[in-house]
Amino acid sequence: MTGASDRIDLMRHLLRLKTTPRTGWLDRGVPPGETESIADHILMTTLIGWITADDGLDRDRVLKLTLVHDLAEAITGDPPPYDRADVPPASDVGAVRDFFSQRHVRAAEDKIAKDEQERTMMREMTDLMPEAVADEIAGLWAEYEAQETPEARFAKDLDRFEAFSQARAYQARYPDLPLGGFTHMALDELEHPTLIALRDAILAEEVSGP
């Protein structure tokens, strides 16, 4: 049974979501004051899901999945799939662009370590929650990680689509930043027809102009 002190500790963890930036944007040169936080990402992913989930999906479950999918990052931060020490200095624009033109995939050993760390952090946070809520959130997070239900796969697609749409917004403001990899990711990895159609509409509008 949890008490007030546990709830306070939990809130302190969750508040970090609002102030922890998404690392990939910083590494690509987005100004710190404009960098999307983890909480920004969670909110937009959830809102897009609310609007786009079709009748073949349990919309309420999709919303819960998107709300919990990055909760562990309240403690772990947002570790990228590359070693940040390998990112060239910002002064070497060509090298930075070349580095981020690659699709970085987390090494198998690193992924295992990251997954275990996130499971540990989720247990740390759910231990601070009332039991019924903790069980539901832990179950939803595990469902998202397993990617075995249509809702979990759609939530993952929403995660990708939000990153793509945020990248396009940054690219419009900062055309020289190396953000094209997010478009390639969206072209290669999005699976849900509704999000694919939205992706294509965004790209077509950019080509044709206002």
C-alpha atoms as a PDB file:
ATOM      1  CA  MET A   1       0.000   0.000   0.000  1.00  0.00           C
ATOM      2  CA  THR A   2       1.389   3.374  -1.002  1.00  0.00           C
ATOM      3  CA  GLY A   3       1.173   6.592   0.983  1.00  0.00           C
ATOM      4  CA  ALA A   4       1.492  10.313   0.389  1.00  0.00           C
ATOM      5  CA  SER A   5       5.291  10.214   0.380  1.00  0.00           C
ATOM      6  CA  ASP A   6       5.225   7.624  -2.411  1.00  0.00           C
ATOM      7  CA  ARG A   7       2.860   9.772  -4.488  1.00  0.00           C
ATOM      8  CA  ILE A   8       5.156  12.769  -4.002  1.00  0.00           C
ATOM      9  CA  ASP A   9       8.183  10.745  -5.113  1.00  0.00           C
ATOM     10  CA  LEU A  10       6.228   9.543  -8.153  1.00  0.00           C
ATOM     11  CA  MET A  11       5.239  13.093  -9.096  1.00  0.00           C
ATOM     12  CA  ARG A  12       8.888  14.148  -8.871  1.00  0.00           C
ATOM     13  CA  HIS A  13       9.783  11.401 -11.321  1.00  0.00           C
ATOM     14  CA  LEU A  14       6.969  12.304 -13.705  1.00  0.00           C
ATOM     15  CA  LEU A  15       7.787  16.011 -13.643  1.00  0.00           C
ATOM     16  CA  ARG A  16      11.139  15.168 -15.228  1.00  0.00           C
ATOM     17  CA  LEU A  17       9.273  14.189 -18.394  1.00  0.00           C
ATOM     18  CA  LYS A  18       8.483  17.881 -18.889  1.00  0.00           C
ATOM     19  CA  THR A  19      12.087  19.044 -18.610  1.00  0.00           C
ATOM     20  CA  THR A  20      14.014  16.175 -20.242  1.00  0.00           C
ATOM     21  CA  PRO A  21      14.669  16.906 -23.922  1.00  0.00           C
ATOM     22  CA  ARG A  22      14.475  14.360 -26.710  1.00  0.00           C
ATOM     23  CA  THR A  23      18.153  13.684 -27.301  1.00  0.00           C
ATOM     24  CA  GLY A  24      18.021  13.165 -31.056  1.00  0.00           C
ATOM     25  CA  TRP A  25      16.873  16.723 -31.694  1.00  0.00           C
ATOM     26  CA  LEU A  26      19.642  18.224 -29.573  1.00  0.00           C
ATOM     27  CA  ASP A  27      22.291  16.111 -31.294  1.00  0.00           C
ATOM     28  CA  ARG A  28      21.045  17.278 -34.687  1.00  0.00           C
ATOM     29  CA  GLY A  29      21.301  20.938 -33.727  1.00  0.00           C
ATOM     30  CA  VAL A  30      17.801  21.962 -32.674  1.00  0.00           C
ATOM     31  CA  PRO A  31      18.229  24.871 -30.208  1.00  0.00           C
ATOM     32  CA  PRO A  32      17.773  23.694 -26.607  1.00  0.00           C
ATOM     33  CA  GLY A  33      14.980  26.213 -25.996  1.00  0.00           C
ATOM     34  CA  GLU A  34      12.959  24.714 -28.856  1.00  0.00           C
ATOM     35  CA  THR A  35      13.735  21.056 -28.266  1.00  0.00           C
ATOM     36  CA  GLU A  36      10.738  18.810 -27.731  1.00  0.00           C
ATOM     37  CA  SER A  37      10.594  17.271 -24.262  1.00  0.00           C
ATOM     38  CA  ILE A  38       9.614  13.673 -23.563  1.00  0.00           C
ATOM     39  CA  ALA A  39       6.285  14.965 -22.198  1.00  0.00           C
ATOM     40  CA  ASP A  40       5.725  16.994 -25.394  1.00  0.00           C
ATOM     41  CA  HIS A  41       6.263  13.824 -27.412  1.00  0.00           C
ATOM     42  CA  ILE A  42       3.937  11.734 -25.239  1.00  0.00           C
ATOM     43  CA  LEU A  43       1.173  14.347 -25.441  1.00  0.00           C
ATOM     44  CA  MET A  44       1.370  14.723 -29.235  1.00  0.00           C
ATOM     45  CA  THR A  45       1.566  10.958 -29.778  1.00  0.00           C
ATOM     46  CA  THR A  46      -1.546  10.497 -27.642  1.00  0.00           C
ATOM     47  CA  LEU A  47      -3.500  13.288 -29.342  1.00  0.00           C
ATOM     48  CA  ILE A  48      -2.636  11.988 -32.812  1.00  0.00           C
ATOM     49  CA  GLY A  49      -3.758   8.538 -31.687  1.00  0.00           C
ATOM     50  CA  TRP A  50      -7.055   9.887 -30.373  1.00  0.00           C
ATOM     51  CA  ILE A  51      -7.738  11.525 -33.725  1.00  0.00           C
ATOM     52  CA  THR A  52      -6.564   8.739 -36.021  1.00  0.00           C
ATOM     53  CA  ALA A  53      -7.420   5.422 -34.309  1.00  0.00           C
ATOM     54  CA  ASP A  54      -9.989   3.728 -36.534  1.00  0.00           C
ATOM     55  CA  ASP A  55     -12.931   1.501 -35.679  1.00  0.00           C
ATOM     56  CA  GLY A  56     -10.797  -1.626 -35.880  1.00  0.00           C
ATOM     57  CA  LEU A  57      -8.848  -0.543 -32.807  1.00  0.00           C
ATOM     58  CA  ASP A  58      -9.708  -0.070 -29.137  1.00  0.00           C
ATOM     59  CA  ARG A  59      -9.162   3.708 -29.048  1.00  0.00           C
ATOM     60  CA  ASP A  60      -9.086   3.966 -25.257  1.00  0.00           C
ATOM     61  CA  ARG A  61      -6.421   1.270 -25.094  1.00  0.00           C
ATOM     62  CA  VAL A  62      -4.371   3.053 -27.764  1.00  0.00           C
ATOM     63  CA  LEU A  63      -4.476   6.250 -25.700  1.00  0.00           C
ATOM     64  CA  LYS A  64      -3.338   4.444 -22.565  1.00  0.00           C
ATOM     65  CA  LEU A  65      -0.536   2.722 -24.450  1.00  0.00           C
ATOM     66  CA  THR A  66       0.771   5.998 -25.850  1.00  0.00           C
ATOM     67  CA  LEU A  67       0.578   7.645 -22.440  1.00  0.00           C
ATOM     68  CA  VAL A  68       2.759   4.972 -20.820  1.00  0.00           C
ATOM     69  CA  HIS A  69       5.098   4.050 -23.687  1.00  0.00           C
ATOM     70  CA  ASP A  70       7.952   6.369 -22.596  1.00  0.00           C
ATOM     71  CA  LEU A  71       7.286   6.583 -18.849  1.00  0.00           C
ATOM     72  CA  ALA A  72      10.570   4.851 -17.994  1.00  0.00           C
ATOM     73  CA  GLU A  73      12.392   7.797 -19.564  1.00  0.00           C
ATOM     74  CA  ALA A  74      11.340   9.891 -16.566  1.00  0.00           C
ATOM     75  CA  ILE A  75      14.306   8.191 -14.893  1.00  0.00           C
ATOM     76  CA  THR A  76      16.471   6.870 -17.737  1.00  0.00           C
ATOM     77  CA  GLY A  77      16.257   9.965 -19.938  1.00  0.00           C
ATOM     78  CA  ASP A  78      16.130   9.518 -23.712  1.00  0.00           C
ATOM     79  CA  PRO A  79      19.132   7.398 -24.712  1.00  0.00           C
ATOM     80  CA  PRO A  80      19.670   7.454 -28.497  1.00  0.00           C
ATOM     81  CA  PRO A  81      20.512   4.325 -30.525  1.00  0.00           C
ATOM     82  CA  TYR A  82      24.077   5.563 -31.065  1.00  0.00           C
ATOM     83  CA  ASP A  83      26.957   6.509 -28.793  1.00  0.00           C
ATOM     84  CA  ARG A  84      26.743  10.267 -28.291  1.00  0.00           C
ATOM     85  CA  ALA A  85      30.542  10.396 -28.092  1.00  0.00           C
ATOM     86  CA  ASP A  86      30.585   9.380 -31.762  1.00  0.00           C
ATOM     87  CA  VAL A  87      28.567  12.420 -32.894  1.00  0.00           C
ATOM     88  CA  PRO A  88      30.930  14.773 -34.760  1.00  0.00           C
ATOM     89  CA  PRO A  89      31.319  18.319 -33.412  1.00  0.00           C
ATOM     90  CA  ALA A  90      28.642  20.761 -34.554  1.00  0.00           C
ATOM     91  CA  SER A  91      31.316  22.833 -36.291  1.00  0.00           C
ATOM     92  CA  ASP A  92      31.885  19.983 -38.768  1.00  0.00           C
ATOM     93  CA  VAL A  93      28.558  20.337 -40.550  1.00  0.00           C
ATOM     94  CA  GLY A  94      29.342  17.812 -43.277  1.00  0.00           C
ATOM     95  CA  ALA A  95      30.406  15.118 -40.809  1.00  0.00           C
ATOM     96  CA  VAL A  96      27.290  15.663 -38.687  1.00  0.00           C
ATOM     97  CA  ARG A  97      25.094  15.384 -41.786  1.00  0.00           C
ATOM     98  CA  ASP A  98      26.883  12.194 -42.861  1.00  0.00           C
ATOM     99  CA  PHE A  99      26.560  10.706 -39.365  1.00  0.00           C
ATOM    100  CA  PHE A 100      22.815  11.307 -39.246  1.00  0.00           C
ATOM    101  CA  SER A 101      22.214  10.229 -42.836  1.00  0.00           C
ATOM    102  CA  GLN A 102      22.648   6.675 -41.526  1.00  0.00           C
ATOM    103  CA  ARG A 103      19.798   4.762 -39.898  1.00  0.00           C
ATOM    104  CA  HIS A 104      21.208   4.096 -36.453  1.00  0.00           C
ATOM    105  CA  VAL A 105      19.977   0.865 -34.900  1.00  0.00           C
ATOM    106  CA  ARG A 106      20.773  -0.048 -31.330  1.00  0.00           C
ATOM    107  CA  ALA A 107      23.203  -2.958 -31.063  1.00  0.00           C
ATOM    108  CA  ALA A 108      21.635  -6.153 -29.715  1.00  0.00           C
ATOM    109  CA  GLU A 109      23.678  -6.075 -26.504  1.00  0.00           C
ATOM    110  CA  ASP A 110      22.811  -2.415 -25.924  1.00  0.00           C
ATOM    111  CA  LYS A 111      19.127  -3.092 -26.556  1.00  0.00           C
ATOM    112  CA  ILE A 112      19.089  -5.883 -23.979  1.00  0.00           C
ATOM    113  CA  ALA A 113      20.722  -3.587 -21.415  1.00  0.00           C
ATOM    114  CA  LYS A 114      18.348  -0.711 -22.242  1.00  0.00           C
ATOM    115  CA  ASP A 115      15.287  -2.959 -21.999  1.00  0.00           C
ATOM    116  CA  GLU A 116      16.391  -4.305 -18.620  1.00  0.00           C
ATOM    117  CA  GLN A 117      17.114  -0.815 -17.305  1.00  0.00           C
ATOM    118  CA  GLU A 118      13.678   0.399 -18.425  1.00  0.00           C
ATOM    119  CA  ARG A 119      11.963  -2.603 -16.814  1.00  0.00           C
ATOM    120  CA  THR A 120      13.771  -1.810 -13.570  1.00  0.00           C
ATOM    121  CA  MET A 121      12.778   1.854 -13.726  1.00  0.00           C
ATOM    122  CA  MET A 122       9.163   0.982 -14.476  1.00  0.00           C
ATOM    123  CA  ARG A 123       9.108  -1.281 -11.418  1.00  0.00           C
ATOM    124  CA  GLU A 124      10.580   1.552  -9.364  1.00  0.00           C
ATOM    125  CA  MET A 125       7.790   3.886 -10.476  1.00  0.00           C
ATOM    126  CA  THR A 126       4.922   1.405 -10.275  1.00  0.00           C
ATOM    127  CA  ASP A 127       6.004   0.505  -6.731  1.00  0.00           C
ATOM    128  CA  LEU A 128       5.040   4.089  -5.837  1.00  0.00           C
ATOM    129  CA  MET A 129       1.511   3.721  -7.280  1.00  0.00           C
ATOM    130  CA  PRO A 130      -1.676   2.243  -5.838  1.00  0.00           C
ATOM    131  CA  GLU A 131      -1.711  -1.470  -6.644  1.00  0.00           C
ATOM    132  CA  ALA A 132      -4.610  -1.469  -9.132  1.00  0.00           C
ATOM    133  CA  VAL A 133      -3.143   1.422 -11.111  1.00  0.00           C
ATOM    134  CA  ALA A 134       0.355  -0.047 -10.940  1.00  0.00           C
ATOM    135  CA  ASP A 135      -0.816  -3.374 -12.348  1.00  0.00           C
ATOM    136  CA  GLU A 136      -2.650  -1.685 -15.226  1.00  0.00           C
ATOM    137  CA  ILE A 137       0.252   0.605 -16.150  1.00  0.00           C
ATOM    138  CA  ALA A 138       2.814  -2.199 -15.886  1.00  0.00           C
ATOM    139  CA  GLY A 139       0.628  -4.385 -18.089  1.00  0.00           C
ATOM    140  CA  LEU A 140       0.159  -1.661 -20.702  1.00  0.00           C
ATOM    141  CA  TRP A 141       3.881  -0.907 -20.793  1.00  0.00           C
ATOM    142  CA  ALA A 142       4.677  -4.616 -21.233  1.00  0.00           C
ATOM    143  CA  GLU A 143       2.063  -4.843 -23.991  1.00  0.00           C
ATOM    144  CA  TYR A 144       3.647  -1.931 -25.840  1.00  0.00           C
ATOM    145  CA  GLU A 145       7.107  -3.453 -25.529  1.00  0.00           C
ATOM    146  CA  ALA A 146       5.937  -6.876 -26.744  1.00  0.00           C
ATOM    147  CA  GLN A 147       4.263  -5.413 -29.877  1.00  0.00           C
ATOM    148  CA  GLU A 148       1.879  -8.369 -30.104  1.00  0.00           C
ATOM    149  CA  THR A 149      -1.506  -6.580 -30.221  1.00  0.00           C
ATOM    150  CA  PRO A 150      -2.922  -4.335 -32.974  1.00  0.00           C
ATOM    151  CA  GLU A 151      -3.177  -1.476 -30.473  1.00  0.00           C
ATOM    152  CA  ALA A 152       0.468  -1.809 -29.424  1.00  0.00           C
ATOM    153  CA  ARG A 153       1.628  -1.893 -33.039  1.00  0.00           C
ATOM    154  CA  PHE A 154      -0.473   1.170 -33.837  1.00  0.00           C
ATOM    155  CA  ALA A 155       0.939   2.965 -30.785  1.00  0.00           C
ATOM    156  CA  LYS A 156       4.457   2.212 -32.062  1.00  0.00           C
ATOM    157  CA  ASP A 157       3.482   3.596 -35.468  1.00  0.00           C
ATOM    158  CA  LEU A 158       2.191   6.728 -33.720  1.00  0.00           C
ATOM    159  CA  ASP A 159       5.566   7.063 -31.980  1.00  0.00           C
ATOM    160  CA  ARG A 160       7.265   6.975 -35.397  1.00  0.00           C
ATOM    161  CA  PHE A 161       4.743   9.321 -37.003  1.00  0.00           C
ATOM    162  CA  GLU A 162       5.070  11.915 -34.243  1.00  0.00           C
ATOM    163  CA  ALA A 163       8.854  11.930 -34.672  1.00  0.00           C
ATOM    164  CA  PHE A 164       8.423  12.342 -38.443  1.00  0.00           C
ATOM    165  CA  SER A 165       5.950  15.212 -38.118  1.00  0.00           C
ATOM    166  CA  GLN A 166       8.112  16.974 -35.511  1.00  0.00           C
ATOM    167  CA  ALA A 167      11.147  16.577 -37.773  1.00  0.00           C
ATOM    168  CA  ARG A 168       9.260  18.145 -40.683  1.00  0.00           C
ATOM    169  CA  ALA A 169       8.292  21.088 -38.448  1.00  0.00           C
ATOM    170  CA  TYR A 170      11.912  21.590 -37.374  1.00  0.00           C
ATOM    171  CA  GLN A 171      13.117  21.229 -40.972  1.00  0.00           C
ATOM    172  CA  ALA A 172      10.832  24.047 -42.084  1.00  0.00           C
ATOM    173  CA  ARG A 173      12.435  26.325 -39.483  1.00  0.00           C
ATOM    174  CA  TYR A 174      15.986  25.027 -39.824  1.00  0.00           C
ATOM    175  CA  PRO A 175      16.417  23.680 -43.375  1.00  0.00           C
ATOM    176  CA  ASP A 176      20.135  23.007 -42.908  1.00  0.00           C
ATOM    177  CA  LEU A 177      19.742  20.585 -40.013  1.00  0.00           C
ATOM    178  CA  PRO A 178      20.291  16.852 -40.767  1.00  0.00           C
ATOM    179  CA  LEU A 179      16.722  15.704 -40.128  1.00  0.00           C
ATOM    180  CA  GLY A 180      16.015  13.746 -43.302  1.00  0.00           C
ATOM    181  CA  GLY A 181      16.540  10.418 -41.575  1.00  0.00           C
ATOM    182  CA  PHE A 182      13.160  10.770 -39.877  1.00  0.00           C
ATOM    183  CA  THR A 183      11.471  11.017 -43.260  1.00  0.00           C
ATOM    184  CA  HIS A 184      13.306   7.902 -44.440  1.00  0.00           C
ATOM    185  CA  MET A 185      12.206   6.158 -41.246  1.00  0.00           C
ATOM    186  CA  ALA A 186       8.573   7.118 -41.882  1.00  0.00           C
ATOM    187  CA  LEU A 187       8.794   5.988 -45.506  1.00  0.00           C
ATOM    188  CA  ASP A 188      10.319   2.628 -44.569  1.00  0.00           C
ATOM    189  CA  GLU A 189       8.661   1.740 -41.277  1.00  0.00           C
ATOM    190  CA  LEU A 190       5.127   3.156 -40.988  1.00  0.00           C
ATOM    191  CA  GLU A 191       2.557   0.381 -41.372  1.00  0.00           C
ATOM    192  CA  HIS A 192      -0.916   1.722 -40.590  1.00  0.00           C
ATOM    193  CA  PRO A 193      -2.760   2.977 -43.707  1.00  0.00           C
ATOM    194  CA  THR A 194      -4.142   6.084 -41.988  1.00  0.00           C
ATOM    195  CA  LEU A 195      -0.700   7.240 -40.858  1.00  0.00           C
ATOM    196  CA  ILE A 196       0.844   6.383 -44.230  1.00  0.00           C
ATOM    197  CA  ALA A 197      -1.806   8.534 -45.926  1.00  0.00           C
ATOM    198  CA  LEU A 198      -1.095  11.414 -43.533  1.00  0.00           C
ATOM    199  CA  ARG A 199       2.642  11.072 -44.104  1.00  0.00           C
ATOM    200  CA  ASP A 200       2.163  11.190 -47.870  1.00  0.00           C
ATOM    201  CA  ALA A 201      -0.168  14.192 -47.614  1.00  0.00           C
ATOM    202  CA  ILE A 202       2.385  16.103 -45.535  1.00  0.00           C
ATOM    203  CA  LEU A 203       5.163  15.373 -48.018  1.00  0.00           C
ATOM    204  CA  ALA A 204       2.990  16.230 -51.011  1.00  0.00           C
ATOM    205  CA  GLU A 205       1.936  19.547 -49.442  1.00  0.00           C
ATOM    206  CA  GLU A 206       5.557  20.452 -48.847  1.00  0.00           C
ATOM    207  CA  VAL A 207       6.378  19.808 -52.510  1.00  0.00           C
ATOM    208  CA  SER A 208       3.402  21.744 -53.870  1.00  0.00           C
ATOM    209  CA  GLY A 209       3.683  24.596 -51.360  1.00  0.00           C
ATOM    210  CA  PRO A 210       0.811  26.539 -49.733  1.00  0.00           C
END
